[in-house]
């Protein structure tokens, strides 16, 4: 995939806000003094009167967003995942989730691919936190195309949505005419009969590459992209479990409470072995993003190796 175009999904987020505004004139975009980093600055430049900088006060920003949603607007509250999901968790839970308000949370710089910012800013717990809030939709797009589609889908959905975006540029893998985004529906990117790889976010492209490498060795791996982690496409996951018998999940997130656990929950009534690849019970480290992704076993060679171990090959 060396020649594939790469775009950071945080850039996709900023561009999607601008593209969607004409169709959703009751939109307003909030940020917590991070417009340049979260890319809401793109929207601010295009529609300055619809952008509000709430300062370094993420909890207050969520409260402002809740008030605007209660008044009939569609606010996007934007900050780093560590702050949007972590620091402001109580406000998201009580001010947005409890009254089920139409607030969209654009959380950028998620996961270990934040890189040199280190463990304090590498939020590997946000999906787990947001999944616990009743009624909260949780989306983790895999590329530029999917991230833009996710923003529009969030706008069309009435209720709270958590959107997870990354800092690192990732391959564009969904740039095809038949691509369709639907909340709560996973996408089978590659069919296979030996095992299923279920991935989300930046690990989707790595999982596809792993499947290609495995095919060269005679292993037929199915690849499923779960962009909506909550509600998860339980029907698609259960079908894959029944047809392939084994599942490997791959996520740039803690293995506790994230995609892997969501998959296990989806097939609990008819279980098959599920093997989770992700950040284990540990914090991240400071370093170049690409090196960290490899260090934590999220690259194609590591995924392929795990699949072969599971299949005993």
C-alpha atoms as a PDB file:
ATOM      1  CA  UNK A   1       0.000   0.000   0.000  1.00  0.00           C
ATOM      2  CA  UNK A   2       3.018   2.258  -0.366  1.00  0.00           C
ATOM      3  CA  UNK A   3       1.523   4.148  -3.312  1.00  0.00           C
ATOM      4  CA  UNK A   4      -1.895   4.655  -1.694  1.00  0.00           C
ATOM      5  CA  UNK A   5      -2.897   8.208  -0.832  1.00  0.00           C
ATOM      6  CA  UNK A   6      -2.728   8.899   2.903  1.00  0.00           C
ATOM      7  CA  UNK A   7      -4.785  11.447   4.854  1.00  0.00           C
ATOM      8  CA  UNK A   8      -5.186  11.946   8.604  1.00  0.00           C
ATOM      9  CA  UNK A   9      -8.809  11.539   9.669  1.00  0.00           C
ATOM     10  CA  UNK A  10      -8.575  14.716  11.749  1.00  0.00           C
ATOM     11  CA  UNK A  11      -8.121  16.575   8.427  1.00  0.00           C
ATOM     12  CA  UNK A  12     -11.133  14.713   7.075  1.00  0.00           C
ATOM     13  CA  UNK A  13     -13.121  15.896  10.090  1.00  0.00           C
ATOM     14  CA  UNK A  14     -12.337  19.569   9.491  1.00  0.00           C
ATOM     15  CA  UNK A  15     -13.106  19.320   5.785  1.00  0.00           C
ATOM     16  CA  UNK A  16     -16.341  17.408   6.396  1.00  0.00           C
ATOM     17  CA  UNK A  17     -17.641  20.093   8.740  1.00  0.00           C
ATOM     18  CA  UNK A  18     -17.254  22.685   5.979  1.00  0.00           C
ATOM     19  CA  UNK A  19     -18.811  20.413   3.357  1.00  0.00           C
ATOM     20  CA  UNK A  20     -21.820  19.556   5.535  1.00  0.00           C
ATOM     21  CA  UNK A  21     -22.703  23.026   6.839  1.00  0.00           C
ATOM     22  CA  UNK A  22     -24.784  24.156   3.804  1.00  0.00           C
ATOM     23  CA  UNK A  23     -27.057  21.147   4.353  1.00  0.00           C
ATOM     24  CA  UNK A  24     -27.217  21.600   8.137  1.00  0.00           C
ATOM     25  CA  UNK A  25     -27.393  25.360   8.791  1.00  0.00           C
ATOM     26  CA  UNK A  26     -28.162  24.826  12.490  1.00  0.00           C
ATOM     27  CA  UNK A  27     -24.651  23.424  12.984  1.00  0.00           C
ATOM     28  CA  UNK A  28     -22.194  25.128  15.306  1.00  0.00           C
ATOM     29  CA  UNK A  29     -18.611  24.049  15.988  1.00  0.00           C
ATOM     30  CA  UNK A  30     -16.929  24.409  19.376  1.00  0.00           C
ATOM     31  CA  UNK A  31     -13.319  23.795  20.278  1.00  0.00           C
ATOM     32  CA  UNK A  32     -11.172  24.068  23.382  1.00  0.00           C
ATOM     33  CA  UNK A  33      -8.283  26.207  22.153  1.00  0.00           C
ATOM     34  CA  UNK A  34      -7.160  23.486  19.742  1.00  0.00           C
ATOM     35  CA  UNK A  35      -8.665  24.585  16.415  1.00  0.00           C
ATOM     36  CA  UNK A  36      -5.382  24.143  14.546  1.00  0.00           C
ATOM     37  CA  UNK A  37      -4.789  20.649  15.905  1.00  0.00           C
ATOM     38  CA  UNK A  38      -8.352  19.311  15.699  1.00  0.00           C
ATOM     39  CA  UNK A  39      -8.747  20.948  12.266  1.00  0.00           C
ATOM     40  CA  UNK A  40     -11.899  22.798  13.296  1.00  0.00           C
ATOM     41  CA  UNK A  41      -9.853  25.799  12.192  1.00  0.00           C
ATOM     42  CA  UNK A  42     -10.817  24.823   8.624  1.00  0.00           C
ATOM     43  CA  UNK A  43     -14.455  25.396   9.554  1.00  0.00           C
ATOM     44  CA  UNK A  44     -13.608  28.546  11.506  1.00  0.00           C
ATOM     45  CA  UNK A  45     -12.000  30.055   8.418  1.00  0.00           C
ATOM     46  CA  UNK A  46     -15.037  29.270   6.258  1.00  0.00           C
ATOM     47  CA  UNK A  47     -17.756  30.133   8.787  1.00  0.00           C
ATOM     48  CA  UNK A  48     -16.246  32.231  11.586  1.00  0.00           C
ATOM     49  CA  UNK A  49     -19.645  33.253  12.959  1.00  0.00           C
ATOM     50  CA  UNK A  50     -20.525  29.575  13.576  1.00  0.00           C
ATOM     51  CA  UNK A  51     -17.340  28.696  15.446  1.00  0.00           C
ATOM     52  CA  UNK A  52     -16.804  29.249  19.161  1.00  0.00           C
ATOM     53  CA  UNK A  53     -13.499  28.824  20.971  1.00  0.00           C
ATOM     54  CA  UNK A  54     -14.376  27.834  24.521  1.00  0.00           C
ATOM     55  CA  UNK A  55     -10.784  28.053  25.705  1.00  0.00           C
ATOM     56  CA  UNK A  56      -8.922  25.407  27.672  1.00  0.00           C
ATOM     57  CA  UNK A  57     -12.125  24.406  29.449  1.00  0.00           C
ATOM     58  CA  UNK A  58     -13.366  21.143  27.968  1.00  0.00           C
ATOM     59  CA  UNK A  59     -15.957  20.506  30.674  1.00  0.00           C
ATOM     60  CA  UNK A  60     -17.455  23.931  30.102  1.00  0.00           C
ATOM     61  CA  UNK A  61     -17.413  23.313  26.333  1.00  0.00           C
ATOM     62  CA  UNK A  62     -19.561  20.188  26.779  1.00  0.00           C
ATOM     63  CA  UNK A  63     -21.973  22.195  28.902  1.00  0.00           C
ATOM     64  CA  UNK A  64     -22.191  24.878  26.217  1.00  0.00           C
ATOM     65  CA  UNK A  65     -22.787  22.190  23.599  1.00  0.00           C
ATOM     66  CA  UNK A  66     -25.566  20.673  25.716  1.00  0.00           C
ATOM     67  CA  UNK A  67     -27.277  24.051  26.062  1.00  0.00           C
ATOM     68  CA  UNK A  68     -27.071  24.690  22.327  1.00  0.00           C
ATOM     69  CA  UNK A  69     -28.486  21.243  21.547  1.00  0.00           C
ATOM     70  CA  UNK A  70     -31.349  21.869  23.966  1.00  0.00           C
ATOM     71  CA  UNK A  71     -32.055  25.058  21.974  1.00  0.00           C
ATOM     72  CA  UNK A  72     -32.318  23.130  18.706  1.00  0.00           C
ATOM     73  CA  UNK A  73     -28.807  23.501  17.314  1.00  0.00           C
ATOM     74  CA  UNK A  74     -26.402  20.706  16.323  1.00  0.00           C
ATOM     75  CA  UNK A  75     -23.121  21.363  18.120  1.00  0.00           C
ATOM     76  CA  UNK A  76     -19.833  19.617  17.418  1.00  0.00           C
ATOM     77  CA  UNK A  77     -17.648  19.774  20.528  1.00  0.00           C
ATOM     78  CA  UNK A  78     -14.030  19.164  19.549  1.00  0.00           C
ATOM     79  CA  UNK A  79     -10.865  18.397  21.462  1.00  0.00           C
ATOM     80  CA  UNK A  80      -8.257  15.676  21.879  1.00  0.00           C
ATOM     81  CA  UNK A  81      -9.786  12.315  22.837  1.00  0.00           C
ATOM     82  CA  UNK A  82      -7.986  12.413  26.171  1.00  0.00           C
ATOM     83  CA  UNK A  83      -9.832  15.604  27.072  1.00  0.00           C
ATOM     84  CA  UNK A  84     -13.169  15.090  25.304  1.00  0.00           C
ATOM     85  CA  UNK A  85     -13.731  11.561  26.608  1.00  0.00           C
ATOM     86  CA  UNK A  86     -11.459  11.631  29.639  1.00  0.00           C
ATOM     87  CA  UNK A  87     -11.432  15.024  31.311  1.00  0.00           C
ATOM     88  CA  UNK A  88     -15.043  15.829  30.392  1.00  0.00           C
ATOM     89  CA  UNK A  89     -16.520  12.370  31.008  1.00  0.00           C
ATOM     90  CA  UNK A  90     -18.864  13.492  33.768  1.00  0.00           C
ATOM     91  CA  UNK A  91     -20.248  16.335  31.666  1.00  0.00           C
ATOM     92  CA  UNK A  92     -20.656  14.072  28.637  1.00  0.00           C
ATOM     93  CA  UNK A  93     -22.474  11.518  30.769  1.00  0.00           C
ATOM     94  CA  UNK A  94     -24.726  13.820  32.770  1.00  0.00           C
ATOM     95  CA  UNK A  95     -25.230  16.832  30.503  1.00  0.00           C
ATOM     96  CA  UNK A  96     -25.353  15.064  27.138  1.00  0.00           C
ATOM     97  CA  UNK A  97     -26.027  11.363  27.635  1.00  0.00           C
ATOM     98  CA  UNK A  98     -28.609  11.518  30.421  1.00  0.00           C
ATOM     99  CA  UNK A  99     -30.929  13.978  28.616  1.00  0.00           C
ATOM    100  CA  UNK A 100     -30.016  12.303  25.291  1.00  0.00           C
ATOM    101  CA  UNK A 101     -29.121  15.576  23.612  1.00  0.00           C
ATOM    102  CA  UNK A 102     -28.122  15.976  19.984  1.00  0.00           C
ATOM    103  CA  UNK A 103     -24.444  16.707  20.669  1.00  0.00           C
ATOM    104  CA  UNK A 104     -21.662  15.404  18.445  1.00  0.00           C
ATOM    105  CA  UNK A 105     -18.215  14.968  19.990  1.00  0.00           C
ATOM    106  CA  UNK A 106     -15.319  15.193  17.547  1.00  0.00           C
ATOM    107  CA  UNK A 107     -12.391  13.616  19.375  1.00  0.00           C
ATOM    108  CA  UNK A 108      -9.053  13.830  17.592  1.00  0.00           C
ATOM    109  CA  UNK A 109      -5.550  12.596  18.469  1.00  0.00           C
ATOM    110  CA  UNK A 110      -6.867   9.274  19.748  1.00  0.00           C
ATOM    111  CA  UNK A 111      -4.759   6.205  20.449  1.00  0.00           C
ATOM    112  CA  UNK A 112      -1.022   5.604  20.495  1.00  0.00           C
ATOM    113  CA  UNK A 113      -0.541   7.195  17.060  1.00  0.00           C
ATOM    114  CA  UNK A 114      -0.476  10.562  18.831  1.00  0.00           C
ATOM    115  CA  UNK A 115       3.202   9.636  18.987  1.00  0.00           C
ATOM    116  CA  UNK A 116       5.675  11.901  20.704  1.00  0.00           C
ATOM    117  CA  UNK A 117       3.030  13.516  22.938  1.00  0.00           C
ATOM    118  CA  UNK A 118       3.359  10.383  25.044  1.00  0.00           C
ATOM    119  CA  UNK A 119       1.213   8.353  27.410  1.00  0.00           C
ATOM    120  CA  UNK A 120      -0.587  11.312  28.977  1.00  0.00           C
ATOM    121  CA  UNK A 121      -2.111  12.264  25.620  1.00  0.00           C
ATOM    122  CA  UNK A 122      -2.455   8.798  24.058  1.00  0.00           C
ATOM    123  CA  UNK A 123      -6.045   8.001  24.935  1.00  0.00           C
ATOM    124  CA  UNK A 124      -6.515   4.256  24.626  1.00  0.00           C
ATOM    125  CA  UNK A 125      -9.566   4.198  26.878  1.00  0.00           C
ATOM    126  CA  UNK A 126     -12.026   6.534  25.132  1.00  0.00           C
ATOM    127  CA  UNK A 127     -14.054   3.921  23.260  1.00  0.00           C
ATOM    128  CA  UNK A 128     -14.529   1.943  26.469  1.00  0.00           C
ATOM    129  CA  UNK A 129     -15.665   5.078  28.310  1.00  0.00           C
ATOM    130  CA  UNK A 130     -18.081   6.227  25.618  1.00  0.00           C
ATOM    131  CA  UNK A 131     -19.555   2.739  25.113  1.00  0.00           C
ATOM    132  CA  UNK A 132     -20.776   2.783  28.714  1.00  0.00           C
ATOM    133  CA  UNK A 133     -22.944   5.881  28.237  1.00  0.00           C
ATOM    134  CA  UNK A 134     -26.524   4.833  27.415  1.00  0.00           C
ATOM    135  CA  UNK A 135     -27.619   5.940  23.965  1.00  0.00           C
ATOM    136  CA  UNK A 136     -24.168   7.091  22.841  1.00  0.00           C
ATOM    137  CA  UNK A 137     -23.175   6.108  19.302  1.00  0.00           C
ATOM    138  CA  UNK A 138     -19.436   5.408  18.950  1.00  0.00           C
ATOM    139  CA  UNK A 139     -17.743   5.689  15.539  1.00  0.00           C
ATOM    140  CA  UNK A 140     -14.100   4.989  14.674  1.00  0.00           C
ATOM    141  CA  UNK A 141     -13.609   5.585  10.907  1.00  0.00           C
ATOM    142  CA  UNK A 142     -10.845   3.851   8.984  1.00  0.00           C
ATOM    143  CA  UNK A 143      -9.914   6.527   6.437  1.00  0.00           C
ATOM    144  CA  UNK A 144     -10.705   9.894   4.851  1.00  0.00           C
ATOM    145  CA  UNK A 145     -13.749   8.677   2.919  1.00  0.00           C
ATOM    146  CA  UNK A 146     -15.258   6.978   5.939  1.00  0.00           C
ATOM    147  CA  UNK A 147     -14.505   9.876   8.291  1.00  0.00           C
ATOM    148  CA  UNK A 148     -16.352  12.335   6.057  1.00  0.00           C
ATOM    149  CA  UNK A 149     -19.270   9.950   5.689  1.00  0.00           C
ATOM    150  CA  UNK A 150     -19.336   9.468   9.463  1.00  0.00           C
ATOM    151  CA  UNK A 151     -19.648  13.206  10.102  1.00  0.00           C
ATOM    152  CA  UNK A 152     -22.642  13.432   7.766  1.00  0.00           C
ATOM    153  CA  UNK A 153     -24.205  10.328   9.316  1.00  0.00           C
ATOM    154  CA  UNK A 154     -23.736  11.832  12.773  1.00  0.00           C
ATOM    155  CA  UNK A 155     -25.544  14.977  11.634  1.00  0.00           C
ATOM    156  CA  UNK A 156     -28.431  12.919  10.282  1.00  0.00           C
ATOM    157  CA  UNK A 157     -28.691  10.933  13.525  1.00  0.00           C
ATOM    158  CA  UNK A 158     -30.755  12.445  16.338  1.00  0.00           C
ATOM    159  CA  UNK A 159     -28.817  11.858  19.527  1.00  0.00           C
ATOM    160  CA  UNK A 160     -25.302  11.940  20.986  1.00  0.00           C
ATOM    161  CA  UNK A 161     -22.449  10.660  18.841  1.00  0.00           C
ATOM    162  CA  UNK A 162     -18.773  10.175  19.658  1.00  0.00           C
ATOM    163  CA  UNK A 163     -16.488  10.345  16.613  1.00  0.00           C
ATOM    164  CA  UNK A 164     -12.870   9.223  16.952  1.00  0.00           C
ATOM    165  CA  UNK A 165     -10.223  10.714  14.647  1.00  0.00           C
ATOM    166  CA  UNK A 166      -6.466  10.268  14.371  1.00  0.00           C
ATOM    167  CA  UNK A 167      -3.400  12.440  13.996  1.00  0.00           C
ATOM    168  CA  UNK A 168      -1.468  10.073  11.730  1.00  0.00           C
ATOM    169  CA  UNK A 169      -2.089  10.041   7.971  1.00  0.00           C
ATOM    170  CA  UNK A 170      -3.587   6.666   6.997  1.00  0.00           C
ATOM    171  CA  UNK A 171      -4.234   5.000   3.608  1.00  0.00           C
ATOM    172  CA  UNK A 172      -7.461   5.843   1.794  1.00  0.00           C
ATOM    173  CA  UNK A 173      -9.042   2.419   1.277  1.00  0.00           C
ATOM    174  CA  UNK A 174     -12.734   3.234   0.716  1.00  0.00           C
ATOM    175  CA  UNK A 175     -12.411   5.432  -2.349  1.00  0.00           C
ATOM    176  CA  UNK A 176     -14.688   3.404  -4.602  1.00  0.00           C
ATOM    177  CA  UNK A 177     -18.076   4.062  -6.261  1.00  0.00           C
ATOM    178  CA  UNK A 178     -19.967   1.380  -4.325  1.00  0.00           C
ATOM    179  CA  UNK A 179     -18.864   2.571  -0.875  1.00  0.00           C
ATOM    180  CA  UNK A 180     -21.791   3.225   1.461  1.00  0.00           C
ATOM    181  CA  UNK A 181     -21.699   4.254   5.106  1.00  0.00           C
ATOM    182  CA  UNK A 182     -24.497   3.214   7.423  1.00  0.00           C
ATOM    183  CA  UNK A 183     -24.526   3.637  11.178  1.00  0.00           C
ATOM    184  CA  UNK A 184     -24.357   0.300  12.954  1.00  0.00           C
ATOM    185  CA  UNK A 185     -23.437  -1.659   9.829  1.00  0.00           C
ATOM    186  CA  UNK A 186     -20.023  -3.215   9.370  1.00  0.00           C
ATOM    187  CA  UNK A 187     -18.375  -3.736   6.000  1.00  0.00           C
ATOM    188  CA  UNK A 188     -16.875  -6.990   4.723  1.00  0.00           C
ATOM    189  CA  UNK A 189     -13.817  -5.791   2.817  1.00  0.00           C
ATOM    190  CA  UNK A 190     -12.490  -9.224   1.974  1.00  0.00           C
ATOM    191  CA  UNK A 191     -14.195 -12.597   2.091  1.00  0.00           C
ATOM    192  CA  UNK A 192     -12.505 -15.652   3.549  1.00  0.00           C
ATOM    193  CA  UNK A 193     -13.264 -19.025   5.087  1.00  0.00           C
ATOM    194  CA  UNK A 194     -10.354 -19.800   7.441  1.00  0.00           C
ATOM    195  CA  UNK A 195     -10.611 -16.990   9.996  1.00  0.00           C
ATOM    196  CA  UNK A 196     -12.107 -13.512  10.417  1.00  0.00           C
ATOM    197  CA  UNK A 197     -10.120 -10.373  11.195  1.00  0.00           C
ATOM    198  CA  UNK A 198     -12.330  -7.645  12.666  1.00  0.00           C
ATOM    199  CA  UNK A 199     -10.711  -4.213  12.724  1.00  0.00           C
ATOM    200  CA  UNK A 200     -11.534  -0.569  13.307  1.00  0.00           C
ATOM    201  CA  UNK A 201      -9.850   2.759  12.632  1.00  0.00           C
ATOM    202  CA  UNK A 202      -6.275   2.805  11.347  1.00  0.00           C
ATOM    203  CA  UNK A 203      -5.891  -0.942  11.883  1.00  0.00           C
ATOM    204  CA  UNK A 204      -8.307  -1.699   9.026  1.00  0.00           C
ATOM    205  CA  UNK A 205      -5.765  -0.983   6.294  1.00  0.00           C
ATOM    206  CA  UNK A 206      -3.136  -2.974   8.187  1.00  0.00           C
ATOM    207  CA  UNK A 207      -5.562  -5.890   8.504  1.00  0.00           C
ATOM    208  CA  UNK A 208      -6.239  -5.808   4.770  1.00  0.00           C
ATOM    209  CA  UNK A 209      -2.526  -5.941   4.079  1.00  0.00           C
ATOM    210  CA  UNK A 210      -2.156  -8.807   6.546  1.00  0.00           C
ATOM    211  CA  UNK A 211      -4.903 -10.720   4.723  1.00  0.00           C
ATOM    212  CA  UNK A 212      -3.132 -10.209   1.404  1.00  0.00           C
ATOM    213  CA  UNK A 213       0.120 -11.478   2.893  1.00  0.00           C
ATOM    214  CA  UNK A 214      -1.663 -14.483   4.414  1.00  0.00           C
ATOM    215  CA  UNK A 215      -3.288 -15.319   1.083  1.00  0.00           C
ATOM    216  CA  UNK A 216       0.171 -15.718  -0.414  1.00  0.00           C
ATOM    217  CA  UNK A 217       0.732 -18.432   2.192  1.00  0.00           C
ATOM    218  CA  UNK A 218      -2.554 -20.189   1.472  1.00  0.00           C
ATOM    219  CA  UNK A 219      -4.532 -18.730   4.373  1.00  0.00           C
ATOM    220  CA  UNK A 220      -7.951 -17.327   3.469  1.00  0.00           C
ATOM    221  CA  UNK A 221      -8.772 -14.536   5.949  1.00  0.00           C
ATOM    222  CA  UNK A 222     -12.003 -12.570   5.962  1.00  0.00           C
ATOM    223  CA  UNK A 223     -11.646  -8.867   6.868  1.00  0.00           C
ATOM    224  CA  UNK A 224     -14.480  -6.878   8.434  1.00  0.00           C
ATOM    225  CA  UNK A 225     -14.364  -3.147   9.051  1.00  0.00           C
ATOM    226  CA  UNK A 226     -16.407  -2.192  12.110  1.00  0.00           C
ATOM    227  CA  UNK A 227     -16.583   1.598  11.871  1.00  0.00           C
ATOM    228  CA  UNK A 228     -19.511   1.804  14.299  1.00  0.00           C
ATOM    229  CA  UNK A 229     -18.448   0.124  17.512  1.00  0.00           C
ATOM    230  CA  UNK A 230     -21.711   1.033  19.222  1.00  0.00           C
ATOM    231  CA  UNK A 231     -24.195  -0.142  18.094  1.00  0.00           C
ATOM    232  CA  UNK A 232     -22.082  -2.937  16.665  1.00  0.00           C
ATOM    233  CA  UNK A 233     -23.242  -4.965  13.674  1.00  0.00           C
ATOM    234  CA  UNK A 234     -23.910  -8.099  15.705  1.00  0.00           C
ATOM    235  CA  UNK A 235     -25.534  -9.895  12.775  1.00  0.00           C
ATOM    236  CA  UNK A 236     -22.493  -9.507  10.530  1.00  0.00           C
ATOM    237  CA  UNK A 237     -20.068 -10.522  13.283  1.00  0.00           C
ATOM    238  CA  UNK A 238     -22.170 -13.548  14.265  1.00  0.00           C
ATOM    239  CA  UNK A 239     -22.355 -14.670  10.627  1.00  0.00           C
ATOM    240  CA  UNK A 240     -18.579 -14.441  10.273  1.00  0.00           C
ATOM    241  CA  UNK A 241     -18.092 -16.311  13.540  1.00  0.00           C
ATOM    242  CA  UNK A 242     -20.350 -19.127  12.398  1.00  0.00           C
ATOM    243  CA  UNK A 243     -18.736 -19.389   8.967  1.00  0.00           C
ATOM    244  CA  UNK A 244     -15.054 -19.115   9.905  1.00  0.00           C
ATOM    245  CA  UNK A 245     -14.994 -20.401  13.492  1.00  0.00           C
ATOM    246  CA  UNK A 246     -12.329 -18.030  14.804  1.00  0.00           C
ATOM    247  CA  UNK A 247     -11.976 -14.261  15.128  1.00  0.00           C
ATOM    248  CA  UNK A 248      -8.999 -11.957  15.618  1.00  0.00           C
ATOM    249  CA  UNK A 249      -9.849  -8.366  16.580  1.00  0.00           C
ATOM    250  CA  UNK A 250      -7.438  -5.507  15.952  1.00  0.00           C
ATOM    251  CA  UNK A 251      -7.766  -2.065  17.527  1.00  0.00           C
ATOM    252  CA  UNK A 252      -5.680   0.986  18.373  1.00  0.00           C
ATOM    253  CA  UNK A 253      -7.209   1.006  21.824  1.00  0.00           C
ATOM    254  CA  UNK A 254      -7.024  -0.897  25.065  1.00  0.00           C
ATOM    255  CA  UNK A 255      -8.063  -4.530  24.764  1.00  0.00           C
ATOM    256  CA  UNK A 256     -10.256  -3.779  27.776  1.00  0.00           C
ATOM    257  CA  UNK A 257     -13.664  -2.416  26.850  1.00  0.00           C
ATOM    258  CA  UNK A 258     -13.076  -1.672  23.177  1.00  0.00           C
ATOM    259  CA  UNK A 259     -13.746  -3.373  19.856  1.00  0.00           C
ATOM    260  CA  UNK A 260     -12.639  -6.816  21.026  1.00  0.00           C
ATOM    261  CA  UNK A 261     -15.012  -6.834  23.964  1.00  0.00           C
ATOM    262  CA  UNK A 262     -17.826  -5.498  21.765  1.00  0.00           C
ATOM    263  CA  UNK A 263     -17.269  -8.398  19.348  1.00  0.00           C
ATOM    264  CA  UNK A 264     -17.249 -10.921  22.187  1.00  0.00           C
ATOM    265  CA  UNK A 265     -20.515  -9.479  23.452  1.00  0.00           C
ATOM    266  CA  UNK A 266     -22.047  -9.706  19.996  1.00  0.00           C
ATOM    267  CA  UNK A 267     -21.441 -13.471  19.750  1.00  0.00           C
ATOM    268  CA  UNK A 268     -21.923 -14.383  23.406  1.00  0.00           C
ATOM    269  CA  UNK A 269     -24.935 -16.610  22.717  1.00  0.00           C
ATOM    270  CA  UNK A 270     -23.042 -18.615  20.080  1.00  0.00           C
ATOM    271  CA  UNK A 271     -19.386 -18.057  20.970  1.00  0.00           C
ATOM    272  CA  UNK A 272     -16.266 -18.932  19.029  1.00  0.00           C
ATOM    273  CA  UNK A 273     -12.664 -18.221  20.076  1.00  0.00           C
ATOM    274  CA  UNK A 274     -11.812 -14.507  19.884  1.00  0.00           C
ATOM    275  CA  UNK A 275      -8.205 -13.298  20.061  1.00  0.00           C
ATOM    276  CA  UNK A 276      -7.648  -9.604  20.761  1.00  0.00           C
ATOM    277  CA  UNK A 277      -4.799  -7.488  19.393  1.00  0.00           C
ATOM    278  CA  UNK A 278      -4.512  -4.023  20.879  1.00  0.00           C
ATOM    279  CA  UNK A 279      -2.944  -2.101  23.717  1.00  0.00           C
ATOM    280  CA  UNK A 280      -2.704  -4.463  26.642  1.00  0.00           C
ATOM    281  CA  UNK A 281      -3.146  -3.432  30.285  1.00  0.00           C
ATOM    282  CA  UNK A 282      -0.513  -0.720  29.996  1.00  0.00           C
ATOM    283  CA  UNK A 283       0.026   2.917  29.085  1.00  0.00           C
ATOM    284  CA  UNK A 284       1.491   4.113  25.814  1.00  0.00           C
ATOM    285  CA  UNK A 285       4.989   5.445  25.228  1.00  0.00           C
ATOM    286  CA  UNK A 286       6.524   8.501  23.624  1.00  0.00           C
ATOM    287  CA  UNK A 287       7.942   7.977  20.148  1.00  0.00           C
ATOM    288  CA  UNK A 288       7.275   8.234  16.414  1.00  0.00           C
ATOM    289  CA  UNK A 289       3.725   7.112  15.636  1.00  0.00           C
ATOM    290  CA  UNK A 290       4.678   4.499  13.047  1.00  0.00           C
ATOM    291  CA  UNK A 291       7.207   2.933  15.401  1.00  0.00           C
ATOM    292  CA  UNK A 292       4.658   2.803  18.222  1.00  0.00           C
ATOM    293  CA  UNK A 293       2.054   1.128  16.030  1.00  0.00           C
ATOM    294  CA  UNK A 294       4.613  -1.552  15.215  1.00  0.00           C
ATOM    295  CA  UNK A 295       5.744  -1.802  18.843  1.00  0.00           C
ATOM    296  CA  UNK A 296       2.201  -2.488  19.994  1.00  0.00           C
ATOM    297  CA  UNK A 297       1.676  -5.145  17.331  1.00  0.00           C
ATOM    298  CA  UNK A 298      -0.809  -3.271  15.154  1.00  0.00           C
ATOM    299  CA  UNK A 299       0.979  -3.605  11.815  1.00  0.00           C
ATOM    300  CA  UNK A 300       0.295  -6.164   9.082  1.00  0.00           C
ATOM    301  CA  UNK A 301       3.225  -8.501   9.908  1.00  0.00           C
ATOM    302  CA  UNK A 302       2.160  -8.758  13.552  1.00  0.00           C
ATOM    303  CA  UNK A 303      -1.476  -9.328  12.616  1.00  0.00           C
ATOM    304  CA  UNK A 304      -0.508 -12.019  10.115  1.00  0.00           C
ATOM    305  CA  UNK A 305       1.726 -13.681  12.698  1.00  0.00           C
ATOM    306  CA  UNK A 306      -1.113 -13.757  15.235  1.00  0.00           C
ATOM    307  CA  UNK A 307      -3.492 -15.284  12.690  1.00  0.00           C
ATOM    308  CA  UNK A 308      -1.001 -18.025  11.902  1.00  0.00           C
ATOM    309  CA  UNK A 309      -0.530 -18.731  15.613  1.00  0.00           C
ATOM    310  CA  UNK A 310      -4.283 -19.000  16.088  1.00  0.00           C
ATOM    311  CA  UNK A 311      -4.566 -21.395  13.139  1.00  0.00           C
ATOM    312  CA  UNK A 312      -1.556 -23.376  14.302  1.00  0.00           C
ATOM    313  CA  UNK A 313       0.460 -22.656  11.175  1.00  0.00           C
END
